[in-house]
């Protein structure tokens, strides 16, 4: 956003610029809106490369789920980051169906997210409920059974997702 403001402020110094379609000079009042539209189109995520789009998705996930300004390690942020990576790899797998390494990576990421969600449900059930609703995840994907085979821990508490309460 600061780059866009800087670009517009720099372009205001020029009173006339040729318009790209008709090669006519453009007045400064029209030029700022044209420059703004051009800069927004250039900075949009759909014109970014895959690395830029991925970094923006990570930044958005961290900013929306963090507890404090420098928070990147809380379970909520980790679940959001894993969800962003899972979504990215799922889109990749739609076009590259035979990519076995990415398929295996998605399975591993889903398992990591599942264990993070189990931890969050054990420690802070109310925060777990908010994370599930904000990420639009199915709560049934967290647990396959109440207690896994061979587990020595007590089962996590059950949470109702009814909106009538």
Protein backbone atom coordinates (compact mmCIF):
# COMPACT_ATOMS: atom_id res chain seq x y z
CA UNK A 1 0.00 0.00 0.00
CA UNK A 2 2.86 2.37 0.78
CA UNK A 3 4.39 1.56 -2.58
CA UNK A 4 1.13 2.45 -4.29
CA UNK A 5 0.94 5.78 -2.45
CA UNK A 6 4.56 6.51 -3.32
CA UNK A 7 3.93 5.68 -6.98
CA UNK A 8 0.93 7.99 -7.15
CA UNK A 9 2.79 10.81 -5.42
CA UNK A 10 5.68 10.46 -7.86
CA UNK A 11 3.35 10.46 -10.87
CA UNK A 12 1.63 13.65 -9.72
CA UNK A 13 4.78 15.62 -10.61
CA UNK A 14 4.19 14.99 -14.30
CA UNK A 15 1.32 17.05 -15.66
CA UNK A 16 0.90 15.14 -18.91
CA UNK A 17 1.62 11.55 -19.84
CA UNK A 18 0.61 9.82 -23.06
CA UNK A 19 -2.41 7.57 -22.68
CA UNK A 20 -1.52 3.99 -23.67
CA UNK A 21 -4.51 3.42 -25.94
CA UNK A 22 -5.01 6.71 -27.82
CA UNK A 23 -1.57 8.34 -27.48
CA UNK A 24 -3.17 11.60 -26.32
CA UNK A 25 -1.90 13.59 -23.35
CA UNK A 26 -3.70 12.87 -20.14
CA UNK A 27 -4.63 15.59 -17.68
CA UNK A 28 -3.23 15.23 -14.14
CA UNK A 29 -6.64 14.67 -12.53
CA UNK A 30 -7.34 11.78 -14.89
CA UNK A 31 -3.79 10.54 -14.71
CA UNK A 32 -3.90 9.86 -10.98
CA UNK A 33 -6.92 7.59 -11.33
CA UNK A 34 -5.34 5.88 -14.32
CA UNK A 35 -2.06 5.50 -12.44
CA UNK A 36 -3.91 4.18 -9.40
CA UNK A 37 -5.76 1.60 -11.52
CA UNK A 38 -2.56 0.60 -13.28
CA UNK A 39 -0.65 0.23 -10.02
CA UNK A 40 -3.45 -1.76 -8.40
CA UNK A 41 -3.60 -4.07 -11.42
CA UNK A 42 0.17 -4.50 -11.32
CA UNK A 43 0.19 -5.22 -7.58
CA UNK A 44 -2.82 -7.55 -7.59
CA UNK A 45 -2.24 -11.11 -6.44
CA UNK A 46 -3.58 -12.62 -9.65
CA UNK A 47 -0.69 -11.01 -11.55
CA UNK A 48 1.88 -12.06 -8.94
CA UNK A 49 4.07 -15.09 -9.33
CA UNK A 50 3.43 -18.15 -7.20
CA UNK A 51 6.03 -17.16 -4.62
CA UNK A 52 4.48 -13.71 -4.13
CA UNK A 53 0.98 -15.13 -3.83
CA UNK A 54 2.18 -17.69 -1.30
CA UNK A 55 3.93 -15.03 0.80
CA UNK A 56 0.79 -12.89 0.76
CA UNK A 57 -1.32 -15.86 1.89
CA UNK A 58 1.11 -16.54 4.75
CA UNK A 59 1.12 -12.86 5.76
CA UNK A 60 -2.69 -12.75 5.76
CA UNK A 61 -2.91 -15.93 7.83
CA UNK A 62 -0.46 -14.63 10.43
CA UNK A 63 -2.09 -11.19 10.64
CA UNK A 64 -5.59 -12.54 11.04
CA UNK A 65 -4.84 -15.19 13.70
CA UNK A 66 -2.00 -13.74 15.78
CA UNK A 67 -2.45 -12.93 19.46
CA UNK A 68 0.18 -10.17 19.60
CA UNK A 69 2.22 -8.31 16.94
CA UNK A 70 5.16 -10.74 16.74
CA UNK A 71 3.16 -13.95 17.18
CA UNK A 72 3.93 -16.71 14.67
CA UNK A 73 4.04 -19.75 16.93
CA UNK A 74 0.66 -19.95 18.63
CA UNK A 75 -1.49 -22.94 17.68
CA UNK A 76 -4.04 -20.72 15.94
CA UNK A 77 -1.39 -19.21 13.67
CA UNK A 78 0.19 -22.61 13.00
CA UNK A 79 -3.18 -24.08 12.02
CA UNK A 80 -3.86 -21.12 9.71
CA UNK A 81 -0.42 -21.47 8.10
CA UNK A 82 -0.87 -25.18 7.60
CA UNK A 83 -4.31 -24.55 6.09
CA UNK A 84 -2.82 -22.04 3.65
CA UNK A 85 -0.12 -24.53 2.61
CA UNK A 86 -2.70 -27.31 2.24
CA UNK A 87 -4.87 -25.08 0.04
CA UNK A 88 -1.87 -24.13 -2.10
CA UNK A 89 -0.79 -27.74 -2.61
CA UNK A 90 -4.37 -28.84 -3.26
CA UNK A 91 -4.61 -26.31 -6.10
CA UNK A 92 -1.30 -27.62 -7.45
CA UNK A 93 -2.56 -31.20 -7.32
CA UNK A 94 -5.66 -30.33 -9.34
CA UNK A 95 -3.46 -29.78 -12.38
CA UNK A 96 -0.65 -32.23 -11.51
CA UNK A 97 -2.53 -35.33 -10.46
CA UNK A 98 0.45 -37.69 -10.61
CA UNK A 99 2.72 -35.61 -8.39
CA UNK A 100 3.22 -38.17 -5.66
CA UNK A 101 5.62 -36.06 -3.61
CA UNK A 102 3.08 -33.24 -3.29
CA UNK A 103 0.35 -35.75 -2.50
CA UNK A 104 2.49 -37.14 0.31
CA UNK A 105 3.25 -33.61 1.52
CA UNK A 106 -0.47 -32.78 1.70
CA UNK A 107 -1.13 -35.89 3.76
CA UNK A 108 1.70 -34.95 6.15
CA UNK A 109 0.45 -31.36 6.44
CA UNK A 110 -3.09 -32.52 7.15
CA UNK A 111 -1.76 -34.76 9.91
CA UNK A 112 0.25 -31.89 11.41
CA UNK A 113 -2.80 -29.64 11.32
CA UNK A 114 -4.87 -32.37 12.90
CA UNK A 115 -2.45 -32.79 15.80
CA UNK A 116 -2.33 -29.00 16.31
CA UNK A 117 -6.12 -28.93 16.37
CA UNK A 118 -6.22 -31.77 18.89
CA UNK A 119 -3.83 -29.85 21.12
CA UNK A 120 -5.90 -26.69 20.78
CA UNK A 121 -9.11 -28.57 21.56
CA UNK A 122 -7.52 -30.06 24.70
CA UNK A 123 -6.11 -26.76 25.97
CA UNK A 124 -8.54 -24.08 24.76
CA UNK A 125 -11.85 -25.43 23.45
CA UNK A 126 -13.36 -21.98 22.90
CA UNK A 127 -10.41 -20.85 20.75
CA UNK A 128 -10.60 -24.14 18.85
CA UNK A 129 -14.24 -23.45 18.02
CA UNK A 130 -13.37 -19.96 16.71
CA UNK A 131 -10.51 -21.29 14.57
CA UNK A 132 -12.67 -24.01 13.04
CA UNK A 133 -15.39 -21.51 12.18
CA UNK A 134 -13.01 -18.86 10.78
CA UNK A 135 -11.11 -21.37 8.61
CA UNK A 136 -14.36 -23.09 7.62
CA UNK A 137 -13.04 -26.52 8.57
CA UNK A 138 -15.17 -29.48 9.44
CA UNK A 139 -14.80 -30.27 13.14
CA UNK A 140 -15.33 -33.96 12.40
CA UNK A 141 -11.97 -34.08 10.58
CA UNK A 142 -10.10 -33.53 13.81
CA UNK A 143 -10.90 -36.85 15.45
CA UNK A 144 -11.63 -40.18 13.90
CA UNK A 145 -12.50 -41.71 17.31
CA UNK A 146 -12.79 -40.48 20.86
CA UNK A 147 -9.61 -42.24 21.91
CA UNK A 148 -7.13 -43.58 19.34
CA UNK A 149 -5.86 -47.14 19.78
CA UNK A 150 -3.06 -47.34 22.30
CA UNK A 151 -3.59 -43.82 23.59
CA UNK A 152 -3.00 -43.21 27.26
CA UNK A 153 -4.39 -39.69 27.32
CA UNK A 154 -7.91 -38.91 28.28
CA UNK A 155 -10.20 -37.97 25.36
CA UNK A 156 -10.59 -34.32 24.44
CA UNK A 157 -13.79 -32.58 25.48
CA UNK A 158 -16.71 -32.55 23.06
CA UNK A 159 -17.85 -29.16 21.81
CA UNK A 160 -21.23 -28.31 20.41
CA UNK A 161 -21.20 -26.21 17.23
CA UNK A 162 -24.87 -25.29 17.44
CA UNK A 163 -25.61 -21.67 16.61
CA UNK A 164 -28.88 -21.78 18.59
CA UNK A 165 -27.08 -21.35 21.93
